[in-house]
Amino acid sequence: MSEQPAAGLAQLSLRPAGAADVPALAALEQVCFTRPWSQAQLQATCRNPLARIWVALGPALDLRAARQPAAAATGSPPADRLLGYISWVQVLDTAEINNLAVAPACRRQGVGRRLLQLMQAQSTAAGALTARLEVAETNWAARELYRSCGFYEVGRRKGYYAGTDALLMDCRLDTENLPDLYKKY
């Protein structure tokens, strides 16, 4: 299955995260991951000169405030709700994705794809030749997204996620394979 863009996706905005975003990022981590990053880890990442964190903001799409604690935590108007974020570190010619999180009610609506393509474009512009990530073997939706964006399996970490294997995936980066929309980032 491919992601179907929501009507509100045209209003999605992407921007670098700042210190003021950390509480909402931490709240989103809590609903997305079994081992979420703490506010301290997110703050340290924001201060790391090699790290990048970008947020996706937009209208509530089909969200209800009760199902999106990250948006409720910000007190933001509906047009500025945190829908997702991506974090990565680039060292020399490799960009390693730390986290890609999308609010549960916003999944399969193109938010994750937009964030991933932004990372690919920015990393390519900064000289990266490869993007790398790890994903739980059981996370079929994420694996499908990564494959559709050019990632392929290169290895495995046995039992990495509480008994579930982590798949290591790479993607060759080049500007010819990125949509024109993302080349501006």
C-alpha atoms as a PDB file:
ATOM      1  CA  MET A   1       0.000   0.000   0.000  1.00  0.00           C
ATOM      2  CA  SER A   2       1.242   3.504  -0.671  1.00  0.00           C
ATOM      3  CA  GLU A   3       0.580   6.521   1.483  1.00  0.00           C
ATOM      4  CA  GLN A   4      -2.479   8.534   0.560  1.00  0.00           C
ATOM      5  CA  PRO A   5      -1.999  12.270   1.075  1.00  0.00           C
ATOM      6  CA  ALA A   6      -4.618  13.930   3.225  1.00  0.00           C
ATOM      7  CA  ALA A   7      -6.368  17.067   2.088  1.00  0.00           C
ATOM      8  CA  GLY A   8      -4.566  19.053   4.813  1.00  0.00           C
ATOM      9  CA  LEU A   9      -1.117  17.829   3.714  1.00  0.00           C
ATOM     10  CA  ALA A  10      -0.793  20.753   1.312  1.00  0.00           C
ATOM     11  CA  GLN A  11      -0.694  22.969   4.409  1.00  0.00           C
ATOM     12  CA  LEU A  12       2.122  20.948   6.002  1.00  0.00           C
ATOM     13  CA  SER A  13       5.159  23.029   6.894  1.00  0.00           C
ATOM     14  CA  LEU A  14       8.627  21.738   7.687  1.00  0.00           C
ATOM     15  CA  ARG A  15      11.146  23.676   9.775  1.00  0.00           C
ATOM     16  CA  PRO A  16      14.162  23.038  11.985  1.00  0.00           C
ATOM     17  CA  ALA A  17      13.271  22.216  15.585  1.00  0.00           C
ATOM     18  CA  GLY A  18      14.371  24.502  18.374  1.00  0.00           C
ATOM     19  CA  ALA A  19      14.631  24.295  22.140  1.00  0.00           C
ATOM     20  CA  ALA A  20      10.997  25.411  22.479  1.00  0.00           C
ATOM     21  CA  ASP A  21       9.901  22.284  20.563  1.00  0.00           C
ATOM     22  CA  VAL A  22      11.519  19.832  22.989  1.00  0.00           C
ATOM     23  CA  PRO A  23       8.480  19.290  25.292  1.00  0.00           C
ATOM     24  CA  ALA A  24       6.233  18.503  22.306  1.00  0.00           C
ATOM     25  CA  LEU A  25       8.896  16.257  20.757  1.00  0.00           C
ATOM     26  CA  ALA A  26       9.218  14.363  24.044  1.00  0.00           C
ATOM     27  CA  ALA A  27       5.436  13.940  24.230  1.00  0.00           C
ATOM     28  CA  LEU A  28       5.387  12.599  20.659  1.00  0.00           C
ATOM     29  CA  GLU A  29       8.222  10.198  21.539  1.00  0.00           C
ATOM     30  CA  GLN A  30       6.080   8.849  24.395  1.00  0.00           C
ATOM     31  CA  VAL A  31       3.227   7.885  22.068  1.00  0.00           C
ATOM     32  CA  CYS A  32       5.422   6.588  19.236  1.00  0.00           C
ATOM     33  CA  PHE A  33       8.158   4.499  20.840  1.00  0.00           C
ATOM     34  CA  THR A  34       8.495   1.820  23.504  1.00  0.00           C
ATOM     35  CA  ARG A  35      11.907   3.291  24.424  1.00  0.00           C
ATOM     36  CA  PRO A  36      11.310   7.029  23.933  1.00  0.00           C
ATOM     37  CA  TRP A  37      14.023   9.630  24.108  1.00  0.00           C
ATOM     38  CA  SER A  38      13.905  11.875  27.167  1.00  0.00           C
ATOM     39  CA  GLN A  39      13.709  15.653  27.075  1.00  0.00           C
ATOM     40  CA  ALA A  40      17.399  15.722  28.076  1.00  0.00           C
ATOM     41  CA  GLN A  41      18.341  13.526  25.095  1.00  0.00           C
ATOM     42  CA  LEU A  42      16.313  15.696  22.734  1.00  0.00           C
ATOM     43  CA  GLN A  43      17.872  18.890  24.144  1.00  0.00           C
ATOM     44  CA  ALA A  44      21.360  17.415  23.717  1.00  0.00           C
ATOM     45  CA  THR A  45      20.526  16.533  20.121  1.00  0.00           C
ATOM     46  CA  CYS A  46      19.303  20.080  19.474  1.00  0.00           C
ATOM     47  CA  ARG A  47      22.676  21.380  20.723  1.00  0.00           C
ATOM     48  CA  ASN A  48      24.770  18.877  18.744  1.00  0.00           C
ATOM     49  CA  PRO A  49      26.310  20.695  15.745  1.00  0.00           C
ATOM     50  CA  LEU A  50      26.289  17.489  13.684  1.00  0.00           C
ATOM     51  CA  ALA A  51      22.636  16.716  14.373  1.00  0.00           C
ATOM     52  CA  ARG A  52      19.552  17.931  12.563  1.00  0.00           C
ATOM     53  CA  ILE A  53      15.976  17.825  13.830  1.00  0.00           C
ATOM     54  CA  TRP A  54      13.127  18.963  11.613  1.00  0.00           C
ATOM     55  CA  VAL A  55       9.473  19.102  12.575  1.00  0.00           C
ATOM     56  CA  ALA A  56       6.345  18.763  10.476  1.00  0.00           C
ATOM     57  CA  LEU A  57       3.595  21.147  11.505  1.00  0.00           C
ATOM     58  CA  GLY A  58       0.158  21.464  10.085  1.00  0.00           C
ATOM     59  CA  PRO A  59      -3.557  21.309  10.602  1.00  0.00           C
ATOM     60  CA  ALA A  60      -4.968  18.551  12.712  1.00  0.00           C
ATOM     61  CA  LEU A  61      -5.792  16.457   9.611  1.00  0.00           C
ATOM     62  CA  ASP A  62      -8.050  13.808  11.124  1.00  0.00           C
ATOM     63  CA  LEU A  63      -6.662  14.205  14.631  1.00  0.00           C
ATOM     64  CA  ARG A  64      -8.513  14.760  17.841  1.00  0.00           C
ATOM     65  CA  ALA A  65      -6.616  16.556  20.634  1.00  0.00           C
ATOM     66  CA  ALA A  66      -6.989  13.548  22.918  1.00  0.00           C
ATOM     67  CA  ARG A  67      -5.178  11.356  20.386  1.00  0.00           C
ATOM     68  CA  GLN A  68      -2.329  13.839  19.882  1.00  0.00           C
ATOM     69  CA  PRO A  69      -0.687  14.622  23.238  1.00  0.00           C
ATOM     70  CA  ALA A  70       2.207  16.328  21.467  1.00  0.00           C
ATOM     71  CA  ALA A  71      -0.106  18.959  20.016  1.00  0.00           C
ATOM     72  CA  ALA A  72      -1.937  19.398  23.273  1.00  0.00           C
ATOM     73  CA  ALA A  73       1.384  19.888  25.063  1.00  0.00           C
ATOM     74  CA  THR A  74       2.308  22.820  22.838  1.00  0.00           C
ATOM     75  CA  GLY A  75      -0.947  24.718  23.311  1.00  0.00           C
ATOM     76  CA  SER A  76      -0.607  25.571  19.623  1.00  0.00           C
ATOM     77  CA  PRO A  77      -3.490  26.539  17.386  1.00  0.00           C
ATOM     78  CA  PRO A  78      -4.621  23.763  15.016  1.00  0.00           C
ATOM     79  CA  ALA A  79      -2.525  25.054  12.096  1.00  0.00           C
ATOM     80  CA  ASP A  80       0.644  24.608  14.164  1.00  0.00           C
ATOM     81  CA  ARG A  81       0.163  21.103  15.523  1.00  0.00           C
ATOM     82  CA  LEU A  82       3.225  18.877  15.685  1.00  0.00           C
ATOM     83  CA  LEU A  83       2.503  16.026  13.299  1.00  0.00           C
ATOM     84  CA  GLY A  84       5.955  14.452  13.238  1.00  0.00           C
ATOM     85  CA  TYR A  85       9.694  14.922  13.291  1.00  0.00           C
ATOM     86  CA  ILE A  86      12.935  13.486  11.986  1.00  0.00           C
ATOM     87  CA  SER A  87      16.347  13.511  13.626  1.00  0.00           C
ATOM     88  CA  TRP A  88      19.622  12.596  11.949  1.00  0.00           C
ATOM     89  CA  VAL A  89      23.367  13.059  12.282  1.00  0.00           C
ATOM     90  CA  GLN A  90      25.674  13.513   9.336  1.00  0.00           C
ATOM     91  CA  VAL A  91      29.306  12.503   9.668  1.00  0.00           C
ATOM     92  CA  LEU A  92      31.366  12.900   6.524  1.00  0.00           C
ATOM     93  CA  ASP A  93      29.475  11.187   3.688  1.00  0.00           C
ATOM     94  CA  THR A  94      26.918   9.276   5.791  1.00  0.00           C
ATOM     95  CA  ALA A  95      23.647  10.555   7.247  1.00  0.00           C
ATOM     96  CA  GLU A  96      22.326   8.341  10.035  1.00  0.00           C
ATOM     97  CA  ILE A  97      18.676   8.686  10.970  1.00  0.00           C
ATOM     98  CA  ASN A  98      18.158   8.574  14.724  1.00  0.00           C
ATOM     99  CA  ASN A  99      14.364   8.874  14.812  1.00  0.00           C
ATOM    100  CA  LEU A 100      11.428   9.390  12.521  1.00  0.00           C
ATOM    101  CA  ALA A 101       8.196   9.822  14.465  1.00  0.00           C
ATOM    102  CA  VAL A 102       4.711  10.604  13.187  1.00  0.00           C
ATOM    103  CA  ALA A 103       1.662  11.069  15.408  1.00  0.00           C
ATOM    104  CA  PRO A 104      -0.329   7.820  15.221  1.00  0.00           C
ATOM    105  CA  ALA A 105      -3.408   9.443  13.688  1.00  0.00           C
ATOM    106  CA  CYS A 106      -1.280  11.087  10.969  1.00  0.00           C
ATOM    107  CA  ARG A 107       0.448   7.947   9.734  1.00  0.00           C
ATOM    108  CA  ARG A 108       0.083   6.833   6.113  1.00  0.00           C
ATOM    109  CA  GLN A 109      -0.858  10.365   5.083  1.00  0.00           C
ATOM    110  CA  GLY A 110       2.523  11.467   3.698  1.00  0.00           C
ATOM    111  CA  VAL A 111       3.986  13.207   6.761  1.00  0.00           C
ATOM    112  CA  GLY A 112       6.751  10.643   7.293  1.00  0.00           C
ATOM    113  CA  ARG A 113       7.544  10.569   3.581  1.00  0.00           C
ATOM    114  CA  ARG A 114       7.907  14.363   3.453  1.00  0.00           C
ATOM    115  CA  LEU A 115      10.251  14.332   6.458  1.00  0.00           C
ATOM    116  CA  LEU A 116      12.310  11.470   5.043  1.00  0.00           C
ATOM    117  CA  GLN A 117      12.632  13.118   1.634  1.00  0.00           C
ATOM    118  CA  LEU A 118      13.652  16.384   3.279  1.00  0.00           C
ATOM    119  CA  MET A 119      16.431  14.536   5.139  1.00  0.00           C
ATOM    120  CA  GLN A 120      17.569  12.894   1.912  1.00  0.00           C
ATOM    121  CA  ALA A 121      17.687  16.219   0.075  1.00  0.00           C
ATOM    122  CA  GLN A 122      19.474  18.085   2.864  1.00  0.00           C
ATOM    123  CA  SER A 123      21.994  15.315   3.378  1.00  0.00           C
ATOM    124  CA  THR A 124      22.685  15.095  -0.345  1.00  0.00           C
ATOM    125  CA  ALA A 125      23.238  18.867  -0.497  1.00  0.00           C
ATOM    126  CA  ALA A 126      25.652  18.561   2.449  1.00  0.00           C
ATOM    127  CA  GLY A 127      27.691  15.904   0.632  1.00  0.00           C
ATOM    128  CA  ALA A 128      26.263  12.662   2.025  1.00  0.00           C
ATOM    129  CA  LEU A 129      26.413   9.675  -0.282  1.00  0.00           C
ATOM    130  CA  THR A 130      24.527   7.257   1.970  1.00  0.00           C
ATOM    131  CA  ALA A 131      21.628   7.480   4.413  1.00  0.00           C
ATOM    132  CA  ARG A 132      21.432   4.797   7.108  1.00  0.00           C
ATOM    133  CA  LEU A 133      18.805   3.710   9.629  1.00  0.00           C
ATOM    134  CA  GLU A 134      17.629   0.803  11.712  1.00  0.00           C
ATOM    135  CA  VAL A 135      14.044  -0.347  12.062  1.00  0.00           C
ATOM    136  CA  ALA A 136      12.296  -3.100  14.006  1.00  0.00           C
ATOM    137  CA  GLU A 137      11.779  -6.137  11.821  1.00  0.00           C
ATOM    138  CA  THR A 138       8.120  -6.138  12.895  1.00  0.00           C
ATOM    139  CA  ASN A 139       7.482  -2.504  11.878  1.00  0.00           C
ATOM    140  CA  TRP A 140       6.039  -3.297   8.453  1.00  0.00           C
ATOM    141  CA  ALA A 141       4.644   0.176   7.755  1.00  0.00           C
ATOM    142  CA  ALA A 142       7.994   1.871   8.386  1.00  0.00           C
ATOM    143  CA  ARG A 143       9.855  -0.756   6.356  1.00  0.00           C
ATOM    144  CA  GLU A 144       7.475  -0.173   3.441  1.00  0.00           C
ATOM    145  CA  LEU A 145       8.008   3.592   3.644  1.00  0.00           C
ATOM    146  CA  TYR A 146      11.798   3.228   3.752  1.00  0.00           C
ATOM    147  CA  ARG A 147      11.841   0.827   0.808  1.00  0.00           C
ATOM    148  CA  SER A 148       9.639   3.158  -1.237  1.00  0.00           C
ATOM    149  CA  CYS A 149      12.173   5.939  -0.572  1.00  0.00           C
ATOM    150  CA  GLY A 150      15.123   3.882  -1.805  1.00  0.00           C
ATOM    151  CA  PHE A 151      16.330   2.090   1.339  1.00  0.00           C
ATOM    152  CA  TYR A 152      17.419  -1.539   1.204  1.00  0.00           C
ATOM    153  CA  GLU A 153      18.411  -4.031   3.907  1.00  0.00           C
ATOM    154  CA  VAL A 154      22.154  -4.336   4.590  1.00  0.00           C
ATOM    155  CA  GLY A 155      22.242  -6.123   7.938  1.00  0.00           C
ATOM    156  CA  ARG A 156      20.535  -7.144  11.143  1.00  0.00           C
ATOM    157  CA  ARG A 157      21.015  -6.697  14.889  1.00  0.00           C
ATOM    158  CA  LYS A 158      19.655  -9.764  16.671  1.00  0.00           C
ATOM    159  CA  GLY A 159      17.252  -9.004  19.546  1.00  0.00           C
ATOM    160  CA  TYR A 160      17.978  -5.267  19.471  1.00  0.00           C
ATOM    161  CA  TYR A 161      14.395  -4.174  20.192  1.00  0.00           C
ATOM    162  CA  ALA A 162      13.417  -6.183  23.287  1.00  0.00           C
ATOM    163  CA  GLY A 163      13.736  -9.502  21.501  1.00  0.00           C
ATOM    164  CA  THR A 164      12.885  -8.240  18.027  1.00  0.00           C
ATOM    165  CA  ASP A 165      15.645  -7.888  15.465  1.00  0.00           C
ATOM    166  CA  ALA A 166      16.606  -4.504  14.066  1.00  0.00           C
ATOM    167  CA  LEU A 167      17.064  -4.340  10.318  1.00  0.00           C
ATOM    168  CA  LEU A 168      19.860  -2.076   9.119  1.00  0.00           C
ATOM    169  CA  MET A 169      18.934  -0.223   5.957  1.00  0.00           C
ATOM    170  CA  ASP A 170      20.922   2.044   3.642  1.00  0.00           C
ATOM    171  CA  CYS A 171      20.001   4.338   0.786  1.00  0.00           C
ATOM    172  CA  ARG A 172      22.304   5.734  -1.893  1.00  0.00           C
ATOM    173  CA  LEU A 173      21.755   9.459  -2.100  1.00  0.00           C
ATOM    174  CA  ASP A 174      21.820  11.440  -5.304  1.00  0.00           C
ATOM    175  CA  THR A 175      19.926  14.456  -6.516  1.00  0.00           C
ATOM    176  CA  GLU A 176      18.559  12.716  -9.594  1.00  0.00           C
ATOM    177  CA  ASN A 177      16.340  10.451  -7.483  1.00  0.00           C
ATOM    178  CA  LEU A 178      14.834  13.216  -5.328  1.00  0.00           C
ATOM    179  CA  PRO A 179      11.678  15.070  -6.329  1.00  0.00           C
ATOM    180  CA  ASP A 180      12.285  18.699  -7.344  1.00  0.00           C
ATOM    181  CA  LEU A 181      10.152  19.863  -4.418  1.00  0.00           C
ATOM    182  CA  TYR A 182      12.806  18.656  -1.943  1.00  0.00           C
ATOM    183  CA  LYS A 183      15.905  19.950  -3.762  1.00  0.00           C
ATOM    184  CA  LYS A 184      15.290  23.416  -2.297  1.00  0.00           C
ATOM    185  CA  TYR A 185      15.952  22.304   1.300  1.00  0.00           C
END
